[in-house]
Amino acid sequence: MKRIFLFLFATALLAGCEKETILPEHNLPGEIVTFVNTHFPENPVVQAVKEKDDFELSYKVILNGGFVLEFNRKKEITDIDGGAKLPDSVVPSSILSYVATQFPDQYIIGWERDSRSQQVTLVNGIELDFSMNGEFLRIDS
């Protein structure tokens, strides 16, 4: 009997770890709506998803034009992917300056940050790592 109970408990626990909910745009948190309207005014929301994975809450917003934005539980932007040039307003100025100087024929199509660093992806596929202060660290292979 204990084994059956433990199995059912573990199954219920695992089932609750991953959950996606499609959100209507009007149910997105205000911080996210403001970010989208400020930086992507020409790219309306196509789909918004609230994700709960391993008890961590996040939001994924897909915009017209192929941009995919990810926000953490604090509603802070953590990842931006796109098939086109990202708006300059979403990339820290020190990173924009570095890319313009070192890779003048390239532009940024992806930006991501975690708790320790930032990374950008250039249109040619090169990935560059930066500190949280925007100092160049390395080319990521």
N, C-alpha and C. Protein backbone atom coordinates (compact mmCIF):
# COMPACT_ATOMS: atom_id res chain seq x y z
N MET A 1 0.82 -1.19 0.00
CA MET A 1 0.00 0.00 0.00
C MET A 1 0.87 1.26 0.00
N LYS A 2 1.97 1.24 0.77
CA LYS A 2 2.86 2.38 0.82
C LYS A 2 3.45 2.66 -0.57
N ARG A 3 3.81 1.59 -1.28
CA ARG A 3 4.40 1.76 -2.60
C ARG A 3 3.41 2.41 -3.57
N ILE A 4 2.17 2.00 -3.50
CA ILE A 4 1.15 2.58 -4.38
C ILE A 4 0.99 4.06 -4.04
N PHE A 5 0.91 4.38 -2.75
CA PHE A 5 0.77 5.77 -2.34
C PHE A 5 1.98 6.60 -2.81
N LEU A 6 3.19 6.09 -2.61
CA LEU A 6 4.39 6.81 -3.03
C LEU A 6 4.42 7.00 -4.55
N PHE A 7 4.01 5.97 -5.29
CA PHE A 7 3.97 6.08 -6.75
C PHE A 7 2.98 7.15 -7.18
N LEU A 8 1.78 7.15 -6.59
CA LEU A 8 0.77 8.15 -6.94
C LEU A 8 1.23 9.55 -6.55
N PHE A 9 1.85 9.68 -5.40
CA PHE A 9 2.35 10.97 -4.95
C PHE A 9 3.44 11.48 -5.90
N ALA A 10 4.38 10.62 -6.26
CA ALA A 10 5.47 11.02 -7.17
C ALA A 10 4.92 11.39 -8.54
N THR A 11 3.95 10.65 -9.03
CA THR A 11 3.33 10.95 -10.33
C THR A 11 2.63 12.29 -10.29
N ALA A 12 1.90 12.56 -9.24
CA ALA A 12 1.20 13.84 -9.11
C ALA A 12 2.19 14.99 -8.99
N LEU A 13 3.27 14.76 -8.26
CA LEU A 13 4.29 15.79 -8.10
C LEU A 13 4.94 16.11 -9.44
N LEU A 14 5.30 15.09 -10.21
CA LEU A 14 5.93 15.30 -11.51
C LEU A 14 4.97 15.96 -12.49
N ALA A 15 3.72 15.58 -12.44
CA ALA A 15 2.73 16.17 -13.34
C ALA A 15 2.56 17.65 -13.05
N GLY A 16 2.73 18.05 -11.82
CA GLY A 16 2.58 19.45 -11.45
C GLY A 16 3.81 20.29 -11.73
N CYS A 17 4.91 19.65 -12.13
CA CYS A 17 6.15 20.39 -12.36
C CYS A 17 6.16 21.15 -13.67
N GLU A 18 5.49 20.64 -14.67
CA GLU A 18 5.50 21.30 -15.97
C GLU A 18 4.07 21.62 -16.37
N LYS A 19 3.81 22.92 -16.51
CA LYS A 19 2.48 23.33 -16.90
C LYS A 19 2.56 24.59 -17.72
N GLU A 20 1.93 24.58 -18.87
CA GLU A 20 1.87 25.75 -19.73
C GLU A 20 0.42 26.20 -19.85
N THR A 21 0.23 27.49 -19.75
CA THR A 21 -1.09 28.07 -19.89
C THR A 21 -1.03 29.17 -20.94
N ILE A 22 -1.86 29.05 -21.97
CA ILE A 22 -1.94 30.11 -22.97
C ILE A 22 -2.69 31.28 -22.35
N LEU A 23 -2.10 32.46 -22.45
CA LEU A 23 -2.71 33.66 -21.88
C LEU A 23 -3.23 34.57 -22.98
N PRO A 24 -4.43 35.08 -22.83
CA PRO A 24 -4.85 36.16 -23.73
C PRO A 24 -3.96 37.38 -23.46
N GLU A 25 -3.72 38.18 -24.46
CA GLU A 25 -2.82 39.33 -24.30
C GLU A 25 -3.25 40.23 -23.15
N HIS A 26 -4.55 40.40 -22.95
CA HIS A 26 -5.01 41.29 -21.88
C HIS A 26 -4.75 40.72 -20.48
N ASN A 27 -4.33 39.44 -20.39
CA ASN A 27 -3.98 38.85 -19.09
C ASN A 27 -2.47 38.84 -18.82
N LEU A 28 -1.69 39.39 -19.74
CA LEU A 28 -0.25 39.48 -19.50
C LEU A 28 0.01 40.52 -18.40
N PRO A 29 1.02 40.28 -17.56
CA PRO A 29 1.37 41.29 -16.55
C PRO A 29 1.72 42.63 -17.21
N GLY A 30 1.40 43.71 -16.53
CA GLY A 30 1.63 45.05 -17.05
C GLY A 30 3.07 45.33 -17.43
N GLU A 31 4.03 44.80 -16.66
CA GLU A 31 5.44 45.03 -16.96
C GLU A 31 5.82 44.45 -18.32
N ILE A 32 5.25 43.31 -18.63
CA ILE A 32 5.55 42.66 -19.91
C ILE A 32 4.89 43.43 -21.06
N VAL A 33 3.65 43.83 -20.88
CA VAL A 33 2.96 44.62 -21.91
C VAL A 33 3.72 45.91 -22.18
N THR A 34 4.17 46.58 -21.13
CA THR A 34 4.92 47.82 -21.28
C THR A 34 6.21 47.58 -22.05
N PHE A 35 6.93 46.50 -21.75
CA PHE A 35 8.18 46.18 -22.44
C PHE A 35 7.91 45.97 -23.93
N VAL A 36 6.90 45.17 -24.25
CA VAL A 36 6.57 44.89 -25.65
C VAL A 36 6.18 46.17 -26.37
N ASN A 37 5.31 46.96 -25.78
CA ASN A 37 4.85 48.20 -26.42
C ASN A 37 5.98 49.22 -26.60
N THR A 38 6.92 49.25 -25.67
CA THR A 38 8.03 50.18 -25.74
C THR A 38 9.05 49.80 -26.81
N HIS A 39 9.43 48.52 -26.83
CA HIS A 39 10.54 48.09 -27.68
C HIS A 39 10.12 47.44 -28.99
N PHE A 40 8.90 46.95 -29.07
CA PHE A 40 8.42 46.27 -30.27
C PHE A 40 7.04 46.80 -30.68
N PRO A 41 6.90 48.12 -30.85
CA PRO A 41 5.57 48.67 -31.13
C PRO A 41 4.98 48.20 -32.46
N GLU A 42 5.81 47.78 -33.38
CA GLU A 42 5.33 47.33 -34.69
C GLU A 42 5.10 45.83 -34.75
N ASN A 43 5.29 45.14 -33.63
CA ASN A 43 5.19 43.68 -33.61
C ASN A 43 4.18 43.23 -32.56
N PRO A 44 2.92 43.10 -32.95
CA PRO A 44 1.90 42.69 -31.98
C PRO A 44 2.11 41.27 -31.45
N VAL A 45 1.56 41.01 -30.30
CA VAL A 45 1.64 39.70 -29.67
C VAL A 45 0.83 38.69 -30.48
N VAL A 46 1.46 37.57 -30.81
CA VAL A 46 0.80 36.48 -31.50
C VAL A 46 0.30 35.46 -30.48
N GLN A 47 1.16 35.18 -29.50
CA GLN A 47 0.80 34.21 -28.45
C GLN A 47 1.60 34.50 -27.20
N ALA A 48 0.98 34.30 -26.05
CA ALA A 48 1.65 34.44 -24.77
C ALA A 48 1.40 33.17 -23.96
N VAL A 49 2.46 32.69 -23.32
CA VAL A 49 2.38 31.46 -22.55
C VAL A 49 2.97 31.69 -21.17
N LYS A 50 2.23 31.27 -20.17
CA LYS A 50 2.73 31.28 -18.79
C LYS A 50 3.20 29.85 -18.52
N GLU A 51 4.46 29.71 -18.15
CA GLU A 51 5.05 28.39 -17.94
C GLU A 51 5.44 28.20 -16.49
N LYS A 52 5.12 27.03 -15.97
CA LYS A 52 5.56 26.66 -14.63
C LYS A 52 6.31 25.35 -14.78
N ASP A 53 7.62 25.40 -14.53
CA ASP A 53 8.48 24.24 -14.70
C ASP A 53 9.35 24.11 -13.46
N ASP A 54 9.28 22.97 -12.80
CA ASP A 54 10.04 22.76 -11.56
C ASP A 54 9.79 23.88 -10.56
N PHE A 55 8.55 24.30 -10.47
CA PHE A 55 8.11 25.33 -9.53
C PHE A 55 8.68 26.71 -9.85
N GLU A 56 9.22 26.89 -11.06
CA GLU A 56 9.74 28.18 -11.51
C GLU A 56 8.78 28.75 -12.54
N LEU A 57 8.32 29.96 -12.30
CA LEU A 57 7.36 30.62 -13.18
C LEU A 57 8.09 31.48 -14.20
N SER A 58 7.63 31.40 -15.46
CA SER A 58 8.19 32.25 -16.51
C SER A 58 7.11 32.53 -17.55
N TYR A 59 7.41 33.47 -18.42
CA TYR A 59 6.48 33.85 -19.48
C TYR A 59 7.22 33.83 -20.81
N LYS A 60 6.56 33.33 -21.84
CA LYS A 60 7.10 33.36 -23.19
C LYS A 60 6.10 34.11 -24.05
N VAL A 61 6.59 35.10 -24.78
CA VAL A 61 5.73 35.92 -25.62
C VAL A 61 6.26 35.85 -27.05
N ILE A 62 5.42 35.42 -27.96
CA ILE A 62 5.77 35.34 -29.37
C ILE A 62 5.14 36.53 -30.08
N LEU A 63 5.98 37.27 -30.81
CA LEU A 63 5.51 38.48 -31.49
C LEU A 63 5.45 38.25 -32.99
N ASN A 64 4.62 39.00 -33.64
CA ASN A 64 4.59 39.02 -35.09
C ASN A 64 5.98 39.46 -35.56
N GLY A 65 6.50 38.84 -36.60
CA GLY A 65 7.84 39.15 -37.07
C GLY A 65 8.85 38.12 -36.60
N GLY A 66 8.41 37.13 -35.82
CA GLY A 66 9.29 36.05 -35.41
C GLY A 66 10.09 36.27 -34.15
N PHE A 67 9.81 37.32 -33.41
CA PHE A 67 10.54 37.55 -32.15
C PHE A 67 9.91 36.72 -31.03
N VAL A 68 10.77 36.11 -30.21
CA VAL A 68 10.33 35.34 -29.06
C VAL A 68 11.01 35.94 -27.83
N LEU A 69 10.19 36.38 -26.87
CA LEU A 69 10.68 37.01 -25.65
C LEU A 69 10.40 36.10 -24.47
N GLU A 70 11.35 36.00 -23.56
CA GLU A 70 11.14 35.23 -22.34
C GLU A 70 11.39 36.12 -21.14
N PHE A 71 10.51 35.99 -20.15
CA PHE A 71 10.56 36.78 -18.93
C PHE A 71 10.60 35.84 -17.74
N ASN A 72 11.31 36.22 -16.68
CA ASN A 72 11.36 35.41 -15.48
C ASN A 72 10.16 35.70 -14.57
N ARG A 73 10.14 35.09 -13.42
CA ARG A 73 9.01 35.24 -12.49
C ARG A 73 8.85 36.68 -12.00
N LYS A 74 9.95 37.45 -12.05
CA LYS A 74 9.90 38.85 -11.65
C LYS A 74 9.47 39.74 -12.82
N LYS A 75 9.14 39.09 -13.93
CA LYS A 75 8.69 39.78 -15.15
C LYS A 75 9.80 40.62 -15.78
N GLU A 76 11.06 40.16 -15.59
CA GLU A 76 12.23 40.79 -16.19
C GLU A 76 12.60 40.02 -17.45
N ILE A 77 12.97 40.73 -18.49
CA ILE A 77 13.36 40.07 -19.74
C ILE A 77 14.65 39.28 -19.52
N THR A 78 14.68 38.04 -20.02
CA THR A 78 15.86 37.20 -19.88
C THR A 78 16.38 36.68 -21.21
N ASP A 79 15.54 36.71 -22.24
CA ASP A 79 15.94 36.13 -23.52
C ASP A 79 15.11 36.75 -24.63
N ILE A 80 15.78 37.14 -25.71
CA ILE A 80 15.10 37.66 -26.89
C ILE A 80 15.73 36.99 -28.10
N ASP A 81 14.91 36.31 -28.89
CA ASP A 81 15.38 35.68 -30.12
C ASP A 81 14.56 36.22 -31.27
N GLY A 82 15.23 36.39 -32.40
CA GLY A 82 14.52 36.85 -33.58
C GLY A 82 15.29 36.51 -34.83
N GLY A 83 14.60 36.41 -35.92
CA GLY A 83 15.26 36.17 -37.19
C GLY A 83 15.71 37.46 -37.83
N ALA A 84 15.35 38.58 -37.21
CA ALA A 84 15.69 39.90 -37.73
C ALA A 84 16.49 40.65 -36.67
N LYS A 85 16.97 41.82 -37.05
CA LYS A 85 17.75 42.66 -36.14
C LYS A 85 16.90 43.05 -34.93
N LEU A 86 17.49 42.89 -33.75
CA LEU A 86 16.80 43.31 -32.53
C LEU A 86 16.82 44.84 -32.45
N PRO A 87 15.79 45.43 -31.87
CA PRO A 87 15.83 46.88 -31.66
C PRO A 87 17.02 47.24 -30.76
N ASP A 88 17.71 48.32 -31.08
CA ASP A 88 18.85 48.74 -30.26
C ASP A 88 18.45 48.97 -28.81
N SER A 89 17.22 49.34 -28.58
CA SER A 89 16.76 49.68 -27.23
C SER A 89 16.74 48.49 -26.28
N VAL A 90 16.82 47.25 -26.80
CA VAL A 90 16.78 46.09 -25.92
C VAL A 90 18.17 45.54 -25.59
N VAL A 91 19.19 46.10 -26.22
CA VAL A 91 20.56 45.64 -25.99
C VAL A 91 21.33 46.73 -25.25
N PRO A 92 22.04 46.37 -24.17
CA PRO A 92 22.82 47.38 -23.45
C PRO A 92 23.77 48.14 -24.39
N SER A 93 23.91 49.43 -24.16
CA SER A 93 24.69 50.29 -25.06
C SER A 93 26.15 49.86 -25.17
N SER A 94 26.74 49.37 -24.10
CA SER A 94 28.15 48.94 -24.16
C SER A 94 28.31 47.75 -25.10
N ILE A 95 27.31 46.87 -25.14
CA ILE A 95 27.36 45.72 -26.04
C ILE A 95 27.15 46.18 -27.48
N LEU A 96 26.21 47.09 -27.69
CA LEU A 96 25.98 47.64 -29.03
C LEU A 96 27.25 48.28 -29.57
N SER A 97 27.94 49.04 -28.73
CA SER A 97 29.18 49.71 -29.14
C SER A 97 30.26 48.69 -29.51
N TYR A 98 30.40 47.67 -28.70
CA TYR A 98 31.41 46.64 -28.97
C TYR A 98 31.13 45.96 -30.31
N VAL A 99 29.89 45.56 -30.53
CA VAL A 99 29.54 44.88 -31.77
C VAL A 99 29.75 45.81 -32.97
N ALA A 100 29.35 47.07 -32.85
CA ALA A 100 29.52 48.03 -33.95
C ALA A 100 31.00 48.23 -34.30
N THR A 101 31.86 48.20 -33.29
CA THR A 101 33.29 48.42 -33.49
C THR A 101 33.99 47.17 -34.02
N GLN A 102 33.72 46.04 -33.38
CA GLN A 102 34.44 44.81 -33.70
C GLN A 102 33.83 44.00 -34.85
N PHE A 103 32.54 44.17 -35.08
CA PHE A 103 31.83 43.42 -36.11
C PHE A 103 30.93 44.37 -36.91
N PRO A 104 31.52 45.34 -37.60
CA PRO A 104 30.72 46.40 -38.22
C PRO A 104 29.73 45.93 -39.29
N ASP A 105 29.97 44.77 -39.87
CA ASP A 105 29.05 44.27 -40.91
C ASP A 105 27.98 43.34 -40.35
N GLN A 106 27.92 43.21 -39.04
CA GLN A 106 26.98 42.29 -38.40
C GLN A 106 25.96 43.06 -37.56
N TYR A 107 24.89 42.38 -37.20
CA TYR A 107 23.92 42.95 -36.27
C TYR A 107 23.43 41.84 -35.34
N ILE A 108 22.81 42.23 -34.26
CA ILE A 108 22.40 41.30 -33.20
C ILE A 108 20.99 40.78 -33.48
N ILE A 109 20.86 39.44 -33.46
CA ILE A 109 19.55 38.81 -33.65
C ILE A 109 19.09 38.06 -32.40
N GLY A 110 19.93 38.02 -31.36
CA GLY A 110 19.55 37.35 -30.12
C GLY A 110 20.31 37.93 -28.94
N TRP A 111 19.64 37.98 -27.81
CA TRP A 111 20.24 38.47 -26.56
C TRP A 111 19.70 37.63 -25.43
N GLU A 112 20.57 37.28 -24.49
CA GLU A 112 20.17 36.45 -23.36
C GLU A 112 21.00 36.84 -22.15
N ARG A 113 20.38 36.73 -20.97
CA ARG A 113 21.14 36.96 -19.75
C ARG A 113 20.74 35.93 -18.71
N ASP A 114 21.70 35.63 -17.86
CA ASP A 114 21.41 34.81 -16.69
C ASP A 114 21.92 35.58 -15.49
N SER A 115 22.14 34.93 -14.40
CA SER A 115 22.54 35.65 -13.19
C SER A 115 23.98 36.15 -13.22
N ARG A 116 24.80 35.64 -14.17
CA ARG A 116 26.22 35.99 -14.18
C ARG A 116 26.70 36.68 -15.45
N SER A 117 26.00 36.52 -16.56
CA SER A 117 26.52 37.06 -17.81
C SER A 117 25.41 37.32 -18.82
N GLN A 118 25.82 37.92 -19.93
CA GLN A 118 24.93 38.18 -21.05
C GLN A 118 25.56 37.58 -22.31
N GLN A 119 24.73 37.23 -23.25
CA GLN A 119 25.23 36.68 -24.49
C GLN A 119 24.41 37.25 -25.64
N VAL A 120 25.09 37.60 -26.73
CA VAL A 120 24.39 38.02 -27.93
C VAL A 120 24.75 37.09 -29.07
N THR A 121 23.81 36.93 -29.99
CA THR A 121 24.02 36.16 -31.21
C THR A 121 23.98 37.12 -32.38
N LEU A 122 25.01 37.07 -33.21
CA LEU A 122 25.08 37.91 -34.39
C LEU A 122 24.42 37.19 -35.57
N VAL A 123 24.07 37.94 -36.59
CA VAL A 123 23.38 37.38 -37.74
C VAL A 123 24.21 36.28 -38.42
N ASN A 124 25.54 36.32 -38.30
CA ASN A 124 26.38 35.28 -38.90
C ASN A 124 26.51 34.05 -38.01
N GLY A 125 25.83 34.04 -36.85
CA GLY A 125 25.85 32.88 -35.96
C GLY A 125 26.87 32.95 -34.84
N ILE A 126 27.75 33.92 -34.87
CA ILE A 126 28.75 34.05 -33.79
C ILE A 126 28.03 34.47 -32.51
N GLU A 127 28.42 33.84 -31.41
CA GLU A 127 27.88 34.19 -30.10
C GLU A 127 28.98 34.84 -29.27
N LEU A 128 28.65 35.97 -28.68
CA LEU A 128 29.60 36.73 -27.87
C LEU A 128 29.13 36.76 -26.43
N ASP A 129 30.04 36.50 -25.50
CA ASP A 129 29.72 36.53 -24.08
C ASP A 129 30.22 37.85 -23.47
N PHE A 130 29.40 38.43 -22.58
CA PHE A 130 29.71 39.67 -21.90
C PHE A 130 29.40 39.50 -20.41
N SER A 131 30.10 40.29 -19.60
CA SER A 131 29.78 40.32 -18.17
C SER A 131 28.44 41.03 -17.99
N MET A 132 27.94 41.04 -16.78
CA MET A 132 26.70 41.76 -16.50
C MET A 132 26.89 43.26 -16.69
N ASN A 133 28.12 43.74 -16.60
CA ASN A 133 28.43 45.16 -16.82
C ASN A 133 28.61 45.49 -18.29
N GLY A 134 28.53 44.48 -19.16
CA GLY A 134 28.67 44.72 -20.59
C GLY A 134 30.10 44.65 -21.10
N GLU A 135 31.02 44.12 -20.30
CA GLU A 135 32.41 43.98 -20.72
C GLU A 135 32.56 42.68 -21.51
N PHE A 136 33.22 42.76 -22.66
CA PHE A 136 33.43 41.58 -23.50
C PHE A 136 34.25 40.54 -22.75
N LEU A 137 33.80 39.27 -22.81
CA LEU A 137 34.53 38.18 -22.17
C LEU A 137 35.18 37.25 -23.18
N ARG A 138 34.39 36.80 -24.16
CA ARG A 138 34.92 35.83 -25.13
C ARG A 138 33.92 35.59 -26.26
N ILE A 139 34.43 34.98 -27.31
CA ILE A 139 33.56 34.45 -28.36
C ILE A 139 33.21 33.05 -27.94
N ASP A 140 31.94 32.75 -27.90
CA ASP A 140 31.47 31.44 -27.47
C ASP A 140 31.36 30.54 -28.69
N SER A 141 31.90 29.34 -28.58
CA SER A 141 31.84 28.43 -29.73
C SER A 141 30.80 27.36 -29.54
